[in-house]
Amino acid sequence: MSASNAALPDEPVDFAVDLTGHEMTRRAHVMESLGADWDPVKVMRDEEAAYDLLYSGLDEEQQRLYDTLVAAGVLPQRGDGRASA
């Protein structure tokens, strides 16, 4: 029987691949692409401001739906629980 026709083992075979080196390279490329002026705190503040704008000025029905989604745990509660907080 040739190697290409070898019977498959009856038991699972241990198989492991160490991706540590690849992961470190990937992280280095991500950090390089972000650039030296990347400010994660500013990014988080800007994201919060965007959410404030997104959920501001809701009409009564939109506010009811927002409150339902918060109560269900789909959206996090913000401020005093009102979308415009």
C-alpha atoms as a PDB file:
ATOM      1  CA  MET A   1       0.000   0.000   0.000  1.00  0.00           C
ATOM      2  CA  SER A   2       1.500   3.362  -0.985  1.00  0.00           C
ATOM      3  CA  ALA A   3       1.494   6.414   1.286  1.00  0.00           C
ATOM      4  CA  SER A   4      -1.270   7.984  -0.812  1.00  0.00           C
ATOM      5  CA  ASN A   5      -3.463   4.898  -0.260  1.00  0.00           C
ATOM      6  CA  ALA A   6      -2.691   4.479   3.438  1.00  0.00           C
ATOM      7  CA  ALA A   7      -5.592   3.519   5.640  1.00  0.00           C
ATOM      8  CA  LEU A   8      -6.963   6.234   7.917  1.00  0.00           C
ATOM      9  CA  PRO A   9      -6.253   5.779  11.620  1.00  0.00           C
ATOM     10  CA  ASP A  10      -9.048   4.463  13.832  1.00  0.00           C
ATOM     11  CA  GLU A  11      -8.280   6.941  16.620  1.00  0.00           C
ATOM     12  CA  PRO A  12      -7.990  10.741  16.467  1.00  0.00           C
ATOM     13  CA  VAL A  13      -4.489  11.989  15.762  1.00  0.00           C
ATOM     14  CA  ASP A  14      -2.924  14.785  17.808  1.00  0.00           C
ATOM     15  CA  PHE A  15      -2.452  17.803  15.577  1.00  0.00           C
ATOM     16  CA  ALA A  16      -1.253  21.216  16.700  1.00  0.00           C
ATOM     17  CA  VAL A  17      -0.150  24.330  14.891  1.00  0.00           C
ATOM     18  CA  ASP A  18       1.594  27.114  16.774  1.00  0.00           C
ATOM     19  CA  LEU A  19       0.370  30.433  15.359  1.00  0.00           C
ATOM     20  CA  THR A  20       2.212  32.595  17.908  1.00  0.00           C
ATOM     21  CA  GLY A  21       4.677  33.984  15.391  1.00  0.00           C
ATOM     22  CA  HIS A  22       1.938  34.701  12.869  1.00  0.00           C
ATOM     23  CA  GLU A  23      -0.206  36.434  15.527  1.00  0.00           C
ATOM     24  CA  MET A  24       2.676  38.683  16.560  1.00  0.00           C
ATOM     25  CA  THR A  25       3.268  39.622  12.916  1.00  0.00           C
ATOM     26  CA  ARG A  26      -0.442  40.340  12.451  1.00  0.00           C
ATOM     27  CA  ARG A  27      -0.523  42.571  15.528  1.00  0.00           C
ATOM     28  CA  ALA A  28       2.569  44.446  14.368  1.00  0.00           C
ATOM     29  CA  HIS A  29       0.900  45.101  11.003  1.00  0.00           C
ATOM     30  CA  VAL A  30      -2.294  46.322  12.700  1.00  0.00           C
ATOM     31  CA  MET A  31      -0.371  48.734  14.919  1.00  0.00           C
ATOM     32  CA  GLU A  32       1.660  49.954  11.939  1.00  0.00           C
ATOM     33  CA  SER A  33      -1.514  50.583   9.931  1.00  0.00           C
ATOM     34  CA  LEU A  34      -3.060  52.576  12.802  1.00  0.00           C
ATOM     35  CA  GLY A  35      -0.121  54.956  12.740  1.00  0.00           C
ATOM     36  CA  ALA A  36       1.774  56.782  15.468  1.00  0.00           C
ATOM     37  CA  ASP A  37      -0.963  59.384  15.991  1.00  0.00           C
ATOM     38  CA  TRP A  38      -3.716  56.840  16.854  1.00  0.00           C
ATOM     39  CA  ASP A  39      -5.401  57.850  20.120  1.00  0.00           C
ATOM     40  CA  PRO A  40      -7.649  55.072  21.484  1.00  0.00           C
ATOM     41  CA  VAL A  41      -9.155  57.343  24.167  1.00  0.00           C
ATOM     42  CA  LYS A  42     -10.195  59.882  21.527  1.00  0.00           C
ATOM     43  CA  VAL A  43     -11.643  57.081  19.409  1.00  0.00           C
ATOM     44  CA  MET A  44     -13.793  55.913  22.343  1.00  0.00           C
ATOM     45  CA  ARG A  45     -14.950  59.474  23.102  1.00  0.00           C
ATOM     46  CA  ASP A  46     -15.837  60.041  19.454  1.00  0.00           C
ATOM     47  CA  GLU A  47     -17.752  56.756  19.396  1.00  0.00           C
ATOM     48  CA  GLU A  48     -19.753  57.794  22.475  1.00  0.00           C
ATOM     49  CA  ALA A  49     -20.518  61.148  20.830  1.00  0.00           C
ATOM     50  CA  ALA A  50     -21.715  59.315  17.717  1.00  0.00           C
ATOM     51  CA  TYR A  51     -24.047  57.133  19.813  1.00  0.00           C
ATOM     52  CA  ASP A  52     -25.377  60.248  21.579  1.00  0.00           C
ATOM     53  CA  LEU A  53     -26.156  61.780  18.194  1.00  0.00           C
ATOM     54  CA  LEU A  54     -27.635  58.538  16.849  1.00  0.00           C
ATOM     55  CA  TYR A  55     -30.082  58.157  19.734  1.00  0.00           C
ATOM     56  CA  SER A  56     -30.989  61.839  20.145  1.00  0.00           C
ATOM     57  CA  GLY A  57     -34.273  63.360  19.049  1.00  0.00           C
ATOM     58  CA  LEU A  58     -36.234  60.118  18.971  1.00  0.00           C
ATOM     59  CA  ASP A  59     -39.993  60.397  18.625  1.00  0.00           C
ATOM     60  CA  GLU A  60     -42.293  58.619  21.093  1.00  0.00           C
ATOM     61  CA  GLU A  61     -42.445  55.323  19.155  1.00  0.00           C
ATOM     62  CA  GLN A  62     -38.684  55.269  18.550  1.00  0.00           C
ATOM     63  CA  GLN A  63     -38.086  55.961  22.256  1.00  0.00           C
ATOM     64  CA  ARG A  64     -40.443  53.107  23.195  1.00  0.00           C
ATOM     65  CA  LEU A  65     -38.572  50.740  20.894  1.00  0.00           C
ATOM     66  CA  TYR A  66     -35.234  51.951  22.268  1.00  0.00           C
ATOM     67  CA  ASP A  67     -36.454  51.346  25.842  1.00  0.00           C
ATOM     68  CA  THR A  68     -37.629  47.848  24.859  1.00  0.00           C
ATOM     69  CA  LEU A  69     -34.226  47.017  23.368  1.00  0.00           C
ATOM     70  CA  VAL A  70     -32.438  48.314  26.477  1.00  0.00           C
ATOM     71  CA  ALA A  71     -34.733  46.298  28.756  1.00  0.00           C
ATOM     72  CA  ALA A  72     -34.033  43.178  26.660  1.00  0.00           C
ATOM     73  CA  GLY A  73     -30.282  43.735  26.973  1.00  0.00           C
ATOM     74  CA  VAL A  74     -29.821  44.294  23.240  1.00  0.00           C
ATOM     75  CA  LEU A  75     -28.606  47.872  23.772  1.00  0.00           C
ATOM     76  CA  PRO A  76     -26.722  49.159  26.815  1.00  0.00           C
ATOM     77  CA  GLN A  77     -28.451  51.684  29.076  1.00  0.00           C
ATOM     78  CA  ARG A  78     -27.044  55.174  28.588  1.00  0.00           C
ATOM     79  CA  GLY A  79     -27.191  58.036  31.046  1.00  0.00           C
ATOM     80  CA  ASP A  80     -30.552  58.226  32.818  1.00  0.00           C
ATOM     81  CA  GLY A  81     -32.043  55.497  30.623  1.00  0.00           C
ATOM     82  CA  ARG A  82     -33.426  57.859  28.012  1.00  0.00           C
ATOM     83  CA  ALA A  83     -32.026  57.626  24.502  1.00  0.00           C
ATOM     84  CA  SER A  84     -31.171  61.311  24.406  1.00  0.00           C
ATOM     85  CA  ALA A  85     -29.037  61.093  27.582  1.00  0.00           C
END
